[in-house]
Amino acid sequence: MTRERKTPKGRGGQGGRILIGSIGVMFLVYGLILAALFFFGTTVEARLTSYRQEMGERNEVIPNRYTYHFGYAFKVNGREFTGTGQRIAGPVFLKPGPDATITVKYLPYCPYISSDTENGREGRRIAVILGVAFILLWFVRKME
């Protein structure tokens, strides 16, 4: 005699749906903030405040690629705002020095939200993040 296993109804089976939905919402919010920076952000030169290479060469097909972490500071209306970034690049990505600068975009109504714009791939990054958000939210909708 075989028994059929019943799936839980109600709240018991909703944990995965809530988790995937909340991750999808986080991707959506992050993508919308990046899109606002891309379309409405103000460009400014920021002073490089810290710079370091993380570990050694990356274990990838393309040789001589490293992960870099950097910090920057810029002024808006006399107030200084700071930010951090990460980049994967070759060994001559940044040349840190006393006058090193990078290009940064910030939201004029909220300068705390900023991002570096050196690599020119913001449009693709926004599209991928929003695509992942919509796929996750669509998946949650189909889980009913």
N, C-alpha and C. Protein backbone atom coordinates (compact mmCIF):
# COMPACT_ATOMS: atom_id res chain seq x y z
N MET A 1 0.85 -1.17 0.00
CA MET A 1 0.00 0.00 0.00
C MET A 1 0.90 1.24 0.00
N THR A 2 0.68 2.11 -0.93
CA THR A 2 1.48 3.34 -1.01
C THR A 2 0.64 4.52 -0.57
N ARG A 3 1.29 5.40 0.07
CA ARG A 3 0.62 6.62 0.53
C ARG A 3 1.07 7.79 -0.34
N GLU A 4 0.14 8.64 -0.63
CA GLU A 4 0.49 9.86 -1.34
C GLU A 4 0.90 10.90 -0.33
N ARG A 5 1.92 11.58 -0.68
CA ARG A 5 2.42 12.63 0.22
C ARG A 5 1.70 13.93 -0.12
N LYS A 6 1.15 14.53 0.89
CA LYS A 6 0.41 15.77 0.68
C LYS A 6 1.35 16.96 0.84
N THR A 7 1.18 17.92 -0.04
CA THR A 7 1.97 19.14 0.09
C THR A 7 1.30 20.06 1.08
N PRO A 8 2.08 20.74 1.89
CA PRO A 8 1.49 21.63 2.89
C PRO A 8 0.79 22.82 2.22
N LYS A 9 -0.34 23.17 2.78
CA LYS A 9 -1.09 24.32 2.28
C LYS A 9 -1.00 25.44 3.29
N GLY A 10 -1.26 26.62 2.83
CA GLY A 10 -1.24 27.77 3.74
C GLY A 10 0.17 28.31 3.89
N ARG A 11 0.51 28.73 5.09
CA ARG A 11 1.81 29.37 5.34
C ARG A 11 2.98 28.43 5.26
N GLY A 12 2.77 27.16 5.47
CA GLY A 12 3.87 26.22 5.51
C GLY A 12 4.68 26.17 4.23
N GLY A 13 4.08 26.33 3.07
CA GLY A 13 4.78 26.23 1.80
C GLY A 13 5.16 27.58 1.21
N GLN A 14 5.07 28.64 1.97
CA GLN A 14 5.30 29.98 1.43
C GLN A 14 6.71 30.52 1.69
N GLY A 15 7.53 29.82 2.44
CA GLY A 15 8.85 30.32 2.81
C GLY A 15 9.74 30.60 1.60
N GLY A 16 9.80 29.65 0.67
CA GLY A 16 10.63 29.84 -0.52
C GLY A 16 10.12 30.97 -1.39
N ARG A 17 8.82 31.06 -1.50
CA ARG A 17 8.22 32.13 -2.31
C ARG A 17 8.52 33.50 -1.72
N ILE A 18 8.45 33.61 -0.41
CA ILE A 18 8.76 34.89 0.25
C ILE A 18 10.23 35.23 0.07
N LEU A 19 11.11 34.24 0.20
CA LEU A 19 12.54 34.48 0.06
C LEU A 19 12.89 34.93 -1.36
N ILE A 20 12.41 34.21 -2.35
CA ILE A 20 12.70 34.57 -3.74
C ILE A 20 12.07 35.92 -4.09
N GLY A 21 10.88 36.17 -3.59
CA GLY A 21 10.22 37.45 -3.85
C GLY A 21 10.98 38.61 -3.24
N SER A 22 11.48 38.44 -2.01
CA SER A 22 12.23 39.53 -1.38
C SER A 22 13.56 39.78 -2.09
N ILE A 23 14.21 38.73 -2.57
CA ILE A 23 15.43 38.90 -3.35
C ILE A 23 15.12 39.63 -4.66
N GLY A 24 14.02 39.27 -5.29
CA GLY A 24 13.60 39.95 -6.52
C GLY A 24 13.32 41.42 -6.29
N VAL A 25 12.69 41.76 -5.18
CA VAL A 25 12.40 43.16 -4.85
C VAL A 25 13.71 43.93 -4.60
N MET A 26 14.67 43.29 -3.93
CA MET A 26 15.95 43.95 -3.70
C MET A 26 16.68 44.24 -5.02
N PHE A 27 16.66 43.26 -5.93
CA PHE A 27 17.25 43.49 -7.25
C PHE A 27 16.53 44.63 -7.97
N LEU A 28 15.20 44.67 -7.86
CA LEU A 28 14.42 45.72 -8.52
C LEU A 28 14.77 47.09 -7.97
N VAL A 29 14.85 47.22 -6.66
CA VAL A 29 15.19 48.51 -6.05
C VAL A 29 16.60 48.94 -6.44
N TYR A 30 17.55 48.02 -6.40
CA TYR A 30 18.93 48.33 -6.78
C TYR A 30 19.01 48.75 -8.24
N GLY A 31 18.31 48.05 -9.11
CA GLY A 31 18.30 48.39 -10.52
C GLY A 31 17.67 49.75 -10.78
N LEU A 32 16.60 50.08 -10.06
CA LEU A 32 15.96 51.39 -10.23
C LEU A 32 16.86 52.52 -9.73
N ILE A 33 17.60 52.29 -8.65
CA ILE A 33 18.54 53.31 -8.16
C ILE A 33 19.65 53.52 -9.18
N LEU A 34 20.18 52.43 -9.76
CA LEU A 34 21.21 52.57 -10.78
C LEU A 34 20.67 53.28 -12.03
N ALA A 35 19.42 52.98 -12.40
CA ALA A 35 18.81 53.66 -13.55
C ALA A 35 18.64 55.15 -13.27
N ALA A 36 18.24 55.50 -12.04
CA ALA A 36 18.12 56.92 -11.69
C ALA A 36 19.47 57.61 -11.76
N LEU A 37 20.53 56.95 -11.31
CA LEU A 37 21.88 57.51 -11.43
C LEU A 37 22.26 57.68 -12.90
N PHE A 38 21.94 56.70 -13.71
CA PHE A 38 22.31 56.74 -15.13
C PHE A 38 21.60 57.88 -15.86
N PHE A 39 20.31 58.05 -15.61
CA PHE A 39 19.53 59.05 -16.35
C PHE A 39 19.54 60.43 -15.71
N PHE A 40 19.52 60.51 -14.38
CA PHE A 40 19.38 61.80 -13.70
C PHE A 40 20.60 62.21 -12.88
N GLY A 41 21.63 61.39 -12.88
CA GLY A 41 22.80 61.67 -12.06
C GLY A 41 23.64 62.81 -12.61
N THR A 42 24.32 63.48 -11.70
CA THR A 42 25.24 64.56 -12.04
C THR A 42 26.67 64.01 -12.00
N THR A 43 27.44 64.30 -13.03
CA THR A 43 28.80 63.80 -13.12
C THR A 43 29.76 64.78 -12.45
N VAL A 44 30.71 64.24 -11.69
CA VAL A 44 31.70 65.05 -10.99
C VAL A 44 33.01 64.26 -10.90
N GLU A 45 34.11 64.98 -10.82
CA GLU A 45 35.40 64.33 -10.60
C GLU A 45 35.58 64.13 -9.10
N ALA A 46 35.88 62.90 -8.70
CA ALA A 46 36.08 62.57 -7.29
C ALA A 46 37.55 62.27 -7.04
N ARG A 47 38.00 62.64 -5.87
CA ARG A 47 39.38 62.39 -5.46
C ARG A 47 39.49 60.97 -4.92
N LEU A 48 40.49 60.24 -5.40
CA LEU A 48 40.72 58.88 -4.95
C LEU A 48 41.33 58.91 -3.55
N THR A 49 40.65 58.30 -2.57
CA THR A 49 41.13 58.35 -1.19
C THR A 49 41.82 57.06 -0.74
N SER A 50 41.42 55.93 -1.29
CA SER A 50 42.07 54.67 -0.95
C SER A 50 42.04 53.76 -2.16
N TYR A 51 42.98 52.84 -2.18
CA TYR A 51 43.13 51.98 -3.34
C TYR A 51 43.90 50.75 -2.90
N ARG A 52 43.37 49.57 -3.23
CA ARG A 52 44.14 48.37 -2.92
C ARG A 52 43.74 47.24 -3.86
N GLN A 53 44.69 46.38 -4.08
CA GLN A 53 44.47 45.20 -4.91
C GLN A 53 44.14 44.05 -3.99
N GLU A 54 43.09 43.33 -4.29
CA GLU A 54 42.68 42.21 -3.47
C GLU A 54 43.35 40.94 -3.96
N MET A 55 44.05 40.29 -3.07
CA MET A 55 44.72 39.02 -3.33
C MET A 55 45.62 39.11 -4.57
N GLY A 56 45.75 38.01 -5.31
CA GLY A 56 46.64 37.98 -6.47
C GLY A 56 45.85 37.94 -7.76
N GLU A 57 46.47 37.40 -8.77
CA GLU A 57 45.83 37.31 -10.08
C GLU A 57 44.60 36.41 -9.99
N ARG A 58 43.56 36.80 -10.71
CA ARG A 58 42.32 36.02 -10.72
C ARG A 58 42.53 34.74 -11.53
N ASN A 59 41.86 33.69 -11.12
CA ASN A 59 41.97 32.40 -11.80
C ASN A 59 40.94 32.36 -12.93
N GLU A 60 41.25 33.04 -14.03
CA GLU A 60 40.34 33.13 -15.17
C GLU A 60 41.07 32.81 -16.46
N VAL A 61 40.31 32.74 -17.53
CA VAL A 61 40.90 32.47 -18.83
C VAL A 61 41.77 33.65 -19.28
N ILE A 62 41.32 34.88 -19.01
CA ILE A 62 42.09 36.06 -19.39
C ILE A 62 43.16 36.30 -18.32
N PRO A 63 44.43 36.29 -18.69
CA PRO A 63 45.48 36.48 -17.69
C PRO A 63 45.63 37.95 -17.28
N ASN A 64 46.35 38.16 -16.21
CA ASN A 64 46.67 39.50 -15.70
C ASN A 64 45.42 40.31 -15.35
N ARG A 65 44.46 39.70 -14.69
CA ARG A 65 43.25 40.40 -14.24
C ARG A 65 43.26 40.38 -12.72
N TYR A 66 42.96 41.52 -12.11
CA TYR A 66 43.00 41.66 -10.66
C TYR A 66 41.72 42.34 -10.18
N THR A 67 41.37 42.11 -8.92
CA THR A 67 40.25 42.80 -8.29
C THR A 67 40.80 43.97 -7.50
N TYR A 68 40.26 45.16 -7.75
CA TYR A 68 40.68 46.37 -7.07
C TYR A 68 39.52 46.93 -6.26
N HIS A 69 39.81 47.37 -5.05
CA HIS A 69 38.85 48.10 -4.22
C HIS A 69 39.38 49.52 -4.07
N PHE A 70 38.48 50.49 -4.18
CA PHE A 70 38.91 51.88 -4.07
C PHE A 70 37.86 52.70 -3.35
N GLY A 71 38.30 53.76 -2.74
CA GLY A 71 37.42 54.72 -2.09
C GLY A 71 37.59 56.08 -2.75
N TYR A 72 36.54 56.87 -2.74
CA TYR A 72 36.60 58.20 -3.35
C TYR A 72 35.82 59.20 -2.52
N ALA A 73 36.11 60.47 -2.73
CA ALA A 73 35.42 61.55 -2.04
C ALA A 73 35.17 62.68 -3.04
N PHE A 74 34.00 63.31 -2.93
CA PHE A 74 33.67 64.44 -3.79
C PHE A 74 32.88 65.45 -2.97
N LYS A 75 32.88 66.69 -3.43
CA LYS A 75 32.19 67.76 -2.70
C LYS A 75 30.99 68.25 -3.48
N VAL A 76 29.90 68.47 -2.74
CA VAL A 76 28.68 69.05 -3.29
C VAL A 76 28.24 70.14 -2.33
N ASN A 77 28.17 71.37 -2.82
CA ASN A 77 27.77 72.52 -2.00
C ASN A 77 28.60 72.64 -0.72
N GLY A 78 29.90 72.37 -0.82
CA GLY A 78 30.79 72.51 0.33
C GLY A 78 30.83 71.32 1.26
N ARG A 79 29.94 70.34 1.09
CA ARG A 79 29.95 69.14 1.94
C ARG A 79 30.63 68.01 1.21
N GLU A 80 31.41 67.23 1.95
CA GLU A 80 32.13 66.12 1.34
C GLU A 80 31.35 64.83 1.51
N PHE A 81 31.23 64.08 0.42
CA PHE A 81 30.56 62.78 0.42
C PHE A 81 31.57 61.75 -0.05
N THR A 82 31.44 60.54 0.47
CA THR A 82 32.39 59.47 0.14
C THR A 82 31.66 58.27 -0.43
N GLY A 83 32.42 57.42 -1.09
CA GLY A 83 31.87 56.19 -1.63
C GLY A 83 32.99 55.19 -1.86
N THR A 84 32.60 53.98 -2.19
CA THR A 84 33.57 52.93 -2.48
C THR A 84 33.18 52.24 -3.77
N GLY A 85 34.13 51.56 -4.36
CA GLY A 85 33.87 50.82 -5.58
C GLY A 85 34.78 49.63 -5.71
N GLN A 86 34.45 48.77 -6.65
CA GLN A 86 35.24 47.58 -6.92
C GLN A 86 35.32 47.43 -8.42
N ARG A 87 36.47 47.02 -8.90
CA ARG A 87 36.66 46.88 -10.33
C ARG A 87 37.56 45.69 -10.60
N ILE A 88 37.30 44.99 -11.68
CA ILE A 88 38.18 43.92 -12.15
C ILE A 88 38.86 44.45 -13.40
N ALA A 89 40.17 44.52 -13.37
CA ALA A 89 40.90 45.11 -14.49
C ALA A 89 42.32 44.59 -14.52
N GLY A 90 43.08 45.09 -15.48
CA GLY A 90 44.48 44.72 -15.64
C GLY A 90 45.35 45.40 -14.61
N PRO A 91 46.65 45.17 -14.67
CA PRO A 91 47.54 45.69 -13.64
C PRO A 91 47.72 47.21 -13.66
N VAL A 92 47.27 47.90 -14.68
CA VAL A 92 47.44 49.36 -14.73
C VAL A 92 46.09 50.07 -14.70
N PHE A 93 45.12 49.53 -13.97
CA PHE A 93 43.78 50.10 -13.90
C PHE A 93 43.78 51.51 -13.33
N LEU A 94 44.30 51.68 -12.14
CA LEU A 94 44.37 52.99 -11.50
C LEU A 94 45.82 53.31 -11.19
N LYS A 95 46.14 54.55 -11.31
CA LYS A 95 47.47 54.98 -10.92
C LYS A 95 47.32 55.87 -9.70
N PRO A 96 47.35 55.27 -8.52
CA PRO A 96 47.13 56.07 -7.32
C PRO A 96 48.25 57.08 -7.11
N GLY A 97 47.85 58.25 -6.78
CA GLY A 97 48.80 59.31 -6.49
C GLY A 97 48.08 60.40 -5.72
N PRO A 98 48.77 61.45 -5.36
CA PRO A 98 48.13 62.49 -4.56
C PRO A 98 47.01 63.22 -5.31
N ASP A 99 47.06 63.26 -6.62
CA ASP A 99 46.03 63.97 -7.39
C ASP A 99 45.18 63.05 -8.25
N ALA A 100 45.11 61.78 -7.93
CA ALA A 100 44.34 60.83 -8.73
C ALA A 100 42.85 61.09 -8.58
N THR A 101 42.12 61.09 -9.70
CA THR A 101 40.68 61.31 -9.69
C THR A 101 39.99 60.25 -10.54
N ILE A 102 38.71 60.04 -10.26
CA ILE A 102 37.86 59.19 -11.07
C ILE A 102 36.55 59.93 -11.30
N THR A 103 35.81 59.53 -12.32
CA THR A 103 34.52 60.14 -12.62
C THR A 103 33.43 59.43 -11.85
N VAL A 104 32.58 60.20 -11.19
CA VAL A 104 31.51 59.66 -10.35
C VAL A 104 30.20 60.34 -10.73
N LYS A 105 29.11 59.57 -10.65
CA LYS A 105 27.77 60.14 -10.81
C LYS A 105 27.07 60.06 -9.46
N TYR A 106 26.34 61.12 -9.11
CA TYR A 106 25.57 61.13 -7.87
C TYR A 106 24.20 61.73 -8.14
N LEU A 107 23.25 61.41 -7.28
CA LEU A 107 21.91 61.97 -7.41
C LEU A 107 21.90 63.35 -6.76
N PRO A 108 21.48 64.39 -7.49
CA PRO A 108 21.53 65.75 -6.94
C PRO A 108 20.70 65.93 -5.67
N TYR A 109 19.59 65.24 -5.56
CA TYR A 109 18.72 65.38 -4.38
C TYR A 109 19.14 64.45 -3.25
N CYS A 110 20.10 63.55 -3.51
CA CYS A 110 20.61 62.65 -2.47
C CYS A 110 22.04 62.25 -2.81
N PRO A 111 23.02 63.12 -2.53
CA PRO A 111 24.41 62.84 -2.93
C PRO A 111 25.03 61.62 -2.25
N TYR A 112 24.36 61.07 -1.23
CA TYR A 112 24.88 59.86 -0.60
C TYR A 112 24.85 58.68 -1.56
N ILE A 113 23.98 58.75 -2.56
CA ILE A 113 23.88 57.68 -3.55
C ILE A 113 24.76 58.07 -4.73
N SER A 114 25.86 57.34 -4.91
CA SER A 114 26.81 57.64 -5.98
C SER A 114 27.41 56.35 -6.51
N SER A 115 27.98 56.46 -7.71
CA SER A 115 28.62 55.31 -8.32
C SER A 115 29.69 55.79 -9.29
N ASP A 116 30.77 55.02 -9.39
CA ASP A 116 31.81 55.39 -10.36
C ASP A 116 31.33 55.03 -11.76
N THR A 117 31.76 55.80 -12.75
CA THR A 117 31.30 55.60 -14.12
C THR A 117 32.45 55.43 -15.08
N GLU A 118 33.55 54.89 -14.63
CA GLU A 118 34.75 54.81 -15.46
C GLU A 118 34.65 53.79 -16.58
N ASN A 119 33.96 52.69 -16.39
CA ASN A 119 34.04 51.62 -17.39
C ASN A 119 33.00 51.74 -18.51
N GLY A 120 32.00 52.58 -18.40
CA GLY A 120 31.04 52.81 -19.47
C GLY A 120 30.08 51.66 -19.74
N ARG A 121 29.91 50.76 -18.79
CA ARG A 121 29.00 49.62 -18.97
C ARG A 121 27.75 49.73 -18.11
N GLU A 122 27.40 50.93 -17.72
CA GLU A 122 26.28 51.09 -16.81
C GLU A 122 24.96 50.61 -17.41
N GLY A 123 24.74 50.90 -18.69
CA GLY A 123 23.49 50.50 -19.34
C GLY A 123 23.28 49.00 -19.33
N ARG A 124 24.32 48.25 -19.65
CA ARG A 124 24.22 46.79 -19.64
C ARG A 124 24.03 46.27 -18.23
N ARG A 125 24.72 46.87 -17.27
CA ARG A 125 24.60 46.43 -15.88
C ARG A 125 23.16 46.64 -15.37
N ILE A 126 22.58 47.78 -15.70
CA ILE A 126 21.20 48.07 -15.30
C ILE A 126 20.25 47.07 -15.94
N ALA A 127 20.44 46.81 -17.23
CA ALA A 127 19.55 45.87 -17.93
C ALA A 127 19.63 44.47 -17.32
N VAL A 128 20.82 44.02 -16.98
CA VAL A 128 20.97 42.68 -16.39
C VAL A 128 20.31 42.62 -15.02
N ILE A 129 20.54 43.62 -14.18
CA ILE A 129 19.97 43.61 -12.82
C ILE A 129 18.46 43.67 -12.87
N LEU A 130 17.90 44.55 -13.71
CA LEU A 130 16.44 44.62 -13.82
C LEU A 130 15.88 43.34 -14.45
N GLY A 131 16.61 42.73 -15.39
CA GLY A 131 16.17 41.46 -15.96
C GLY A 131 16.09 40.36 -14.93
N VAL A 132 17.11 40.27 -14.07
CA VAL A 132 17.10 39.26 -13.00
C VAL A 132 15.93 39.53 -12.05
N ALA A 133 15.68 40.80 -11.74
CA ALA A 133 14.57 41.14 -10.84
C ALA A 133 13.24 40.69 -11.43
N PHE A 134 13.02 40.98 -12.70
CA PHE A 134 11.75 40.61 -13.32
C PHE A 134 11.60 39.10 -13.46
N ILE A 135 12.68 38.40 -13.74
CA ILE A 135 12.61 36.93 -13.82
C ILE A 135 12.27 36.34 -12.46
N LEU A 136 12.91 36.83 -11.39
CA LEU A 136 12.61 36.32 -10.05
C LEU A 136 11.17 36.62 -9.66
N LEU A 137 10.71 37.84 -9.93
CA LEU A 137 9.33 38.19 -9.57
C LEU A 137 8.32 37.41 -10.43
N TRP A 138 8.64 37.16 -11.67
CA TRP A 138 7.76 36.35 -12.52
C TRP A 138 7.72 34.92 -11.99
N PHE A 139 8.87 34.40 -11.57
CA PHE A 139 8.94 33.05 -11.03
C PHE A 139 8.10 32.93 -9.76
N VAL A 140 8.15 33.95 -8.90
CA VAL A 140 7.36 33.93 -7.68
C VAL A 140 5.87 33.93 -8.01
N ARG A 141 5.51 34.68 -9.02
CA ARG A 141 4.10 34.75 -9.43
C ARG A 141 3.62 33.40 -9.94
N LYS A 142 4.48 32.67 -10.61
CA LYS A 142 4.12 31.35 -11.16
C LYS A 142 4.16 30.25 -10.10
N MET A 143 4.70 30.52 -8.93
CA MET A 143 4.80 29.50 -7.88
C MET A 143 3.48 29.24 -7.17
N GLU A 144 2.45 29.98 -7.48
CA GLU A 144 1.17 29.83 -6.76
C GLU A 144 0.56 28.50 -6.92
